[in-house]
C-alpha atoms as a PDB file:
ATOM      1  CA  MET A   1     -44.663 -14.000  87.665  1.00  0.00           C
ATOM      2  CA  LYS A   2     -44.260 -12.082  90.932  1.00  0.00           C
ATOM      3  CA  LEU A   3     -42.777 -15.153  92.600  1.00  0.00           C
ATOM      4  CA  TYR A   4     -40.106 -15.356  89.880  1.00  0.00           C
ATOM      5  CA  VAL A   5     -39.275 -11.666  90.289  1.00  0.00           C
ATOM      6  CA  LEU A   6     -39.056 -12.080  94.058  1.00  0.00           C
ATOM      7  CA  THR A   7     -36.770 -15.109  93.653  1.00  0.00           C
ATOM      8  CA  LEU A   8     -34.532 -13.190  91.248  1.00  0.00           C
ATOM      9  CA  TRP A   9     -34.487 -10.237  93.635  1.00  0.00           C
ATOM     10  CA  GLN A  10     -33.465 -12.567  96.454  1.00  0.00           C
ATOM     11  CA  ILE A  11     -30.453 -13.651  94.383  1.00  0.00           C
ATOM     12  CA  ILE A  12     -29.464 -10.098  93.403  1.00  0.00           C
ATOM     13  CA  ASP A  13     -30.075  -8.519  96.823  1.00  0.00           C
ATOM     14  CA  PRO A  14     -26.751  -9.540  98.470  1.00  0.00           C
ATOM     15  CA  ILE A  15     -24.872  -7.930  95.561  1.00  0.00           C
ATOM     16  CA  TYR A  16     -26.986  -4.771  95.852  1.00  0.00           C
ATOM     17  CA  PHE A  17     -26.366  -4.759  99.606  1.00  0.00           C
ATOM     18  CA  MET A  18     -22.605  -4.966  99.115  1.00  0.00           C
ATOM     19  CA  PHE A  19     -22.409  -2.167  96.522  1.00  0.00           C
ATOM     20  CA  THR A  20     -24.638   0.277  98.416  1.00  0.00           C
ATOM     21  CA  ARG A  21     -22.577   0.147 101.643  1.00  0.00           C
ATOM     22  CA  LEU A  22     -25.686  -0.678 103.641  1.00  0.00           C
ATOM     23  CA  THR A  23     -25.505  -2.020 107.184  1.00  0.00           C
ATOM     24  CA  TYR A  24     -27.916  -4.191 109.120  1.00  0.00           C
ATOM     25  CA  ILE A  25     -28.813  -2.643 112.451  1.00  0.00           C
ATOM     26  CA  ASP A  26     -29.151  -6.009 114.163  1.00  0.00           C
ATOM     27  CA  ASP A  27     -27.555  -9.449 114.173  1.00  0.00           C
ATOM     28  CA  LEU A  28     -30.781 -11.407 113.817  1.00  0.00           C
ATOM     29  CA  LYS A  29     -31.623 -13.617 110.852  1.00  0.00           C
ATOM     30  CA  GLY A  30     -34.868 -14.442 109.072  1.00  0.00           C
ATOM     31  CA  ARG A  31     -38.304 -13.111 109.921  1.00  0.00           C
ATOM     32  CA  ASN A  32     -37.221 -11.386 113.142  1.00  0.00           C
ATOM     33  CA  ARG A  33     -34.563  -9.286 111.418  1.00  0.00           C
ATOM     34  CA  ASN A  34     -35.057  -5.529 111.474  1.00  0.00           C
ATOM     35  CA  ILE A  35     -36.730  -4.299 108.287  1.00  0.00           C
ATOM     36  CA  PHE A  36     -34.239  -1.425 107.907  1.00  0.00           C
ATOM     37  CA  ARG A  37     -30.806  -1.460 106.378  1.00  0.00           C
ATOM     38  CA  VAL A  38     -28.999   1.833 106.763  1.00  0.00           C
ATOM     39  CA  ARG A  39     -25.995   3.922 105.881  1.00  0.00           C
ATOM     40  CA  LEU A  40     -24.615   7.283 106.893  1.00  0.00           C
ATOM     41  CA  THR A  41     -25.050   9.929 104.198  1.00  0.00           C
ATOM     42  CA  ARG A  42     -24.590  13.619 103.568  1.00  0.00           C
ATOM     43  CA  TYR A  43     -27.821  15.265 102.467  1.00  0.00           C
ATOM     44  CA  LYS A  44     -27.574  16.829  98.994  1.00  0.00           C
ATOM     45  CA  GLY A  45     -31.079  18.194  98.481  1.00  0.00           C
ATOM     46  CA  LYS A  46     -33.015  21.360  99.077  1.00  0.00           C
ATOM     47  CA  GLU A  47     -33.305  22.805 102.595  1.00  0.00           C
ATOM     48  CA  TYR A  48     -36.327  21.668 104.627  1.00  0.00           C
ATOM     49  CA  ILE A  49     -37.607  22.748 108.005  1.00  0.00           C
ATOM     50  CA  LEU A  50     -39.294  19.889 109.818  1.00  0.00           C
ATOM     51  CA  SER A  51     -42.328  20.361 112.059  1.00  0.00           C
ATOM     52  CA  ASP A  52     -40.201  20.225 115.228  1.00  0.00           C
ATOM     53  CA  GLY A  53     -38.018  23.069 113.908  1.00  0.00           C
ATOM     54  CA  THR A  54     -35.098  20.895 112.793  1.00  0.00           C
ATOM     55  CA  VAL A  55     -33.526  22.370 109.671  1.00  0.00           C
ATOM     56  CA  ILE A  56     -32.220  19.815 107.184  1.00  0.00           C
ATOM     57  CA  GLN A  57     -29.775  21.432 104.792  1.00  0.00           C
ATOM     58  CA  LYS A  58     -27.075  20.508 102.308  1.00  0.00           C
ATOM     59  CA  ASN A  59     -24.258  18.376 103.795  1.00  0.00           C
ATOM     60  CA  ASP A  60     -26.126  17.579 107.021  1.00  0.00           C
ATOM     61  CA  LEU A  61     -25.343  14.104 108.310  1.00  0.00           C
ATOM     62  CA  LEU A  62     -28.353  11.768 108.085  1.00  0.00           C
ATOM     63  CA  ILE A  63     -29.021   8.074 108.429  1.00  0.00           C
ATOM     64  CA  LYS A  64     -30.453   6.872 105.125  1.00  0.00           C
ATOM     65  CA  ILE A  65     -32.945   4.086 105.684  1.00  0.00           C
ATOM     66  CA  HIS A  66     -33.649   1.368 103.138  1.00  0.00           C
ATOM     67  CA  LEU A  67     -36.423  -1.137 103.591  1.00  0.00           C
ATOM     68  CA  HIS A  68     -35.231  -4.707 103.262  1.00  0.00           C
ATOM     69  CA  ASN A  69     -37.530  -5.259 100.285  1.00  0.00           C
ATOM     70  CA  VAL A  70     -37.021  -9.009  99.895  1.00  0.00           C
ATOM     71  CA  GLN A  71     -37.836  -9.619 103.555  1.00  0.00           C
ATOM     72  CA  LEU A  72     -40.827  -7.285 103.368  1.00  0.00           C
ATOM     73  CA  MET A  73     -42.247  -8.794 100.181  1.00  0.00           C
ATOM     74  CA  LYS A  74     -41.884 -12.309 101.569  1.00  0.00           C
ATOM     75  CA  SER A  75     -44.005 -11.252 104.540  1.00  0.00           C
ATOM     76  CA  VAL A  76     -46.869  -9.993 102.324  1.00  0.00           C
ATOM     77  CA  ARG A  77     -46.687 -12.229  99.247  1.00  0.00           C
ATOM     78  CA  ASN A  78     -49.595 -14.479 100.284  1.00  0.00           C
ATOM     79  CA  ILE A  79     -51.873 -11.628 101.361  1.00  0.00           C
ATOM     80  CA  LYS A  80     -54.589 -10.801  98.820  1.00  0.00           C
ATOM     81  CA  SER A  81     -55.898  -7.509 100.206  1.00  0.00           C
ATOM     82  CA  ASP A  82     -53.871  -4.363  99.437  1.00  0.00           C
ATOM     83  CA  VAL A  83     -55.183  -2.838 102.679  1.00  0.00           C
ATOM     84  CA  ARG A  84     -53.955  -5.818 104.698  1.00  0.00           C
ATOM     85  CA  LYS A  85     -50.582  -5.679 102.908  1.00  0.00           C
ATOM     86  CA  ALA A  86     -50.259  -1.997 103.816  1.00  0.00           C
ATOM     87  CA  MET A  87     -51.062  -2.823 107.446  1.00  0.00           C
ATOM     88  CA  VAL A  88     -48.395  -5.546 107.572  1.00  0.00           C
ATOM     89  CA  ILE A  89     -45.791  -3.226 106.020  1.00  0.00           C
ATOM     90  CA  HIS A  90     -46.765  -0.481 108.503  1.00  0.00           C
ATOM     91  CA  GLN A  91     -46.445  -2.933 111.424  1.00  0.00           C
ATOM     92  CA  ASN A  92     -43.026  -4.129 110.218  1.00  0.00           C
ATOM     93  CA  VAL A  93     -41.748  -0.556 110.016  1.00  0.00           C
ATOM     94  CA  GLN A  94     -43.260   0.366 113.395  1.00  0.00           C
ATOM     95  CA  LYS A  95     -41.703  -2.708 115.029  1.00  0.00           C
ATOM     96  CA  SER A  96     -38.280  -1.782 113.594  1.00  0.00           C
ATOM     97  CA  LEU A  97     -38.213   1.891 114.617  1.00  0.00           C
ATOM     98  CA  PRO A  98     -37.231   1.382 118.302  1.00  0.00           C
ATOM     99  CA  GLN A  99     -34.142  -0.542 117.229  1.00  0.00           C
ATOM    100  CA  LEU A 100     -33.345   2.163 114.660  1.00  0.00           C
ATOM    101  CA  ALA A 101     -33.591   4.748 117.457  1.00  0.00           C
ATOM    102  CA  GLU A 102     -31.174   2.710 119.566  1.00  0.00           C
ATOM    103  CA  TYR A 103     -28.807   2.411 116.585  1.00  0.00           C
ATOM    104  CA  VAL A 104     -28.839   6.190 116.032  1.00  0.00           C
ATOM    105  CA  ASN A 105     -28.438   6.931 119.750  1.00  0.00           C
ATOM    106  CA  ASN A 106     -25.428   4.603 120.041  1.00  0.00           C
ATOM    107  CA  HIS A 107     -23.820   5.578 116.729  1.00  0.00           C
ATOM    108  CA  SER A 108     -20.266   6.938 116.960  1.00  0.00           C
ATOM    109  CA  ASN A 109     -21.458  10.078 115.104  1.00  0.00           C
ATOM    110  CA  ALA A 110     -24.706  10.419 117.084  1.00  0.00           C
ATOM    111  CA  SER A 111     -24.038  14.028 118.076  1.00  0.00           C
ATOM    112  CA  ASP A 112     -23.654  15.033 114.407  1.00  0.00           C
ATOM    113  CA  ILE A 113     -26.617  13.092 113.004  1.00  0.00           C
ATOM    114  CA  LYS A 114     -29.584  15.396 112.284  1.00  0.00           C
ATOM    115  CA  GLY A 115     -32.162  12.731 111.463  1.00  0.00           C
ATOM    116  CA  ILE A 116     -33.194   9.964 109.144  1.00  0.00           C
ATOM    117  CA  ILE A 117     -34.181  10.039 105.485  1.00  0.00           C
ATOM    118  CA  GLY A 118     -35.754   7.545 103.136  1.00  0.00           C
ATOM    119  CA  ILE A 119     -37.227   7.600  99.660  1.00  0.00           C
ATOM    120  CA  THR A 120     -40.358   5.573  98.987  1.00  0.00           C
ATOM    121  CA  MET A 121     -43.565   5.185  97.023  1.00  0.00           C
ATOM    122  CA  LEU A 122     -45.127   3.378 100.011  1.00  0.00           C
ATOM    123  CA  ASN A 123     -45.690   6.472 102.125  1.00  0.00           C
ATOM    124  CA  ARG A 124     -49.331   6.169 103.142  1.00  0.00           C
ATOM    125  CA  GLY A 125     -49.600   6.148 106.930  1.00  0.00           C
ATOM    126  CA  SER A 126     -45.997   7.248 107.399  1.00  0.00           C
ATOM    127  CA  SER A 127     -47.059  10.374 109.314  1.00  0.00           C
ATOM    128  CA  LYS A 128     -48.604   8.141 112.010  1.00  0.00           C
ATOM    129  CA  LEU A 129     -45.131   6.715 112.525  1.00  0.00           C
ATOM    130  CA  GLY A 130     -43.610  10.195 112.897  1.00  0.00           C
ATOM    131  CA  PHE A 131     -42.274  10.685 109.381  1.00  0.00           C
ATOM    132  CA  GLU A 132     -42.751  13.851 107.396  1.00  0.00           C
ATOM    133  CA  THR A 133     -43.382  13.439 103.685  1.00  0.00           C
ATOM    134  CA  VAL A 134     -41.633  15.883 101.355  1.00  0.00           C
ATOM    135  CA  GLU A 135     -42.034  16.038  97.592  1.00  0.00           C
ATOM    136  CA  ILE A 136     -38.912  15.468  95.501  1.00  0.00           C
ATOM    137  CA  SER A 137     -38.421  18.773  93.690  1.00  0.00           C
ATOM    138  CA  ASN A 138     -35.981  17.620  90.994  1.00  0.00           C
ATOM    139  CA  SER A 139     -38.231  16.126  88.289  1.00  0.00           C
ATOM    140  CA  PHE A 140     -35.429  14.063  86.710  1.00  0.00           C
ATOM    141  CA  TYR A 141     -34.491  12.520  90.074  1.00  0.00           C
ATOM    142  CA  LYS A 142     -38.173  11.926  90.878  1.00  0.00           C
ATOM    143  CA  TYR A 143     -38.667  10.122  87.542  1.00  0.00           C
ATOM    144  CA  PHE A 144     -35.483   8.091  88.086  1.00  0.00           C
ATOM    145  CA  LYS A 145     -36.662   7.040  91.570  1.00  0.00           C
ATOM    146  CA  CYS A 146     -40.091   6.162  90.194  1.00  0.00           C
ATOM    147  CA  ILE A 147     -38.493   3.760  87.712  1.00  0.00           C
ATOM    148  CA  ALA A 148     -36.166   2.357  90.397  1.00  0.00           C
ATOM    149  CA  LEU A 149     -38.978   1.849  92.931  1.00  0.00           C
ATOM    150  CA  LEU A 150     -41.552   0.504  90.476  1.00  0.00           C
ATOM    151  CA  PRO A 151     -40.616  -3.180  90.972  1.00  0.00           C
ATOM    152  CA  ILE A 152     -41.103  -3.002  94.751  1.00  0.00           C
ATOM    153  CA  TYR A 153     -44.356  -1.117  94.288  1.00  0.00           C
ATOM    154  CA  TRP A 154     -45.552  -3.700  91.745  1.00  0.00           C
ATOM    155  CA  LEU A 155     -44.711  -6.520  94.142  1.00  0.00           C
ATOM    156  CA  SER A 156     -46.562  -4.806  96.993  1.00  0.00           C
ATOM    157  CA  VAL A 157     -49.931  -4.361  95.231  1.00  0.00           C
ATOM    158  CA  ASN A 158     -52.337  -6.822  93.663  1.00  0.00           C
ATOM    159  CA  SER A 159     -52.846  -4.839  90.467  1.00  0.00           C
ATOM    160  CA  LEU A 160     -50.846  -2.003  88.968  1.00  0.00           C
ATOM    161  CA  SER A 161     -52.803   0.842  87.372  1.00  0.00           C
ATOM    162  CA  SER A 162     -51.976   4.315  86.116  1.00  0.00           C
ATOM    163  CA  ASN A 163     -54.358   5.709  88.767  1.00  0.00           C
ATOM    164  CA  SER A 164     -52.455   4.042  91.600  1.00  0.00           C
ATOM    165  CA  LEU A 165     -49.153   5.278  90.147  1.00  0.00           C
ATOM    166  CA  LYS A 166     -50.500   8.849  90.106  1.00  0.00           C
ATOM    167  CA  LYS A 167     -51.436   8.535  93.786  1.00  0.00           C
ATOM    168  CA  HIS A 168     -48.183   6.861  94.804  1.00  0.00           C
ATOM    169  CA  HIS A 169     -45.133   8.703  93.590  1.00  0.00           C
ATOM    170  CA  PRO A 170     -41.658   8.757  95.134  1.00  0.00           C
ATOM    171  CA  CYS A 171     -41.117  11.181  97.982  1.00  0.00           C
ATOM    172  CA  TYR A 172     -38.674  11.809 100.790  1.00  0.00           C
ATOM    173  CA  LEU A 173     -39.491  10.672 104.308  1.00  0.00           C
ATOM    174  CA  PHE A 174     -37.747  12.663 107.032  1.00  0.00           C
ATOM    175  CA  MET A 175     -37.692  12.344 110.791  1.00  0.00           C
ATOM    176  CA  SER A 176     -35.464  14.400 113.035  1.00  0.00           C
ATOM    177  CA  LYS A 177     -33.166  12.563 115.414  1.00  0.00           C
ATOM    178  CA  GLU A 178     -34.917  14.230 118.367  1.00  0.00           C
ATOM    179  CA  LYS A 179     -38.334  13.033 117.226  1.00  0.00           C
ATOM    180  CA  LEU A 180     -37.048   9.507 116.556  1.00  0.00           C
ATOM    181  CA  LEU A 181     -35.432   9.256 119.985  1.00  0.00           C
ATOM    182  CA  ASN A 182     -38.362  10.842 121.846  1.00  0.00           C
ATOM    183  CA  LYS A 183     -40.902   8.595 120.154  1.00  0.00           C
ATOM    184  CA  TYR A 184     -39.038   5.282 119.904  1.00  0.00           C
ATOM    185  CA  PHE A 185     -35.876   5.119 122.019  1.00  0.00           C
ATOM    186  CA  GLN A 186     -36.054   2.539 124.835  1.00  0.00           C
ATOM    187  CA  GLN A 187     -39.341   1.056 123.601  1.00  0.00           C
ATOM    188  CA  MET A 188     -37.706  -2.304 122.937  1.00  0.00           C
END
């Protein structure tokens, strides 16, 4: 069943990519492609102060990161252990962050970009990468994101249970531009 869903997703993904105005941050193809697809966005949520003192507030310019879910799920589809899957996902994200830092540093709006933002249910271990996890305060938006992210979550685990859904709910991931550049720029 999961293979059929992944195949369908692979067909739909180029259409999704086109309508969401996402951009690849590299020119590579296949397994070596960066796991992130990004777009410039204006933040519309509640104000947050990150651990390095960066204040993220309404209308700040951020790079919104999207995991390339089809690519990611293809890399873990034959792995049986959920722990091993999580490690592979973590490694893919970690490997992609230096190139994301270079992309942000070289962006034409680099001086105005405050940081990066993502929304995920796969947030375990994200703090080790430098991300800060923030709860989504709007319950309607949180529920909507839960429904939207459920297929990727289902594909990333061996069995779906109500307990695992309670532990893994959608949240924001933030990282300031300064932290991203200090931690990952020129690590390629």
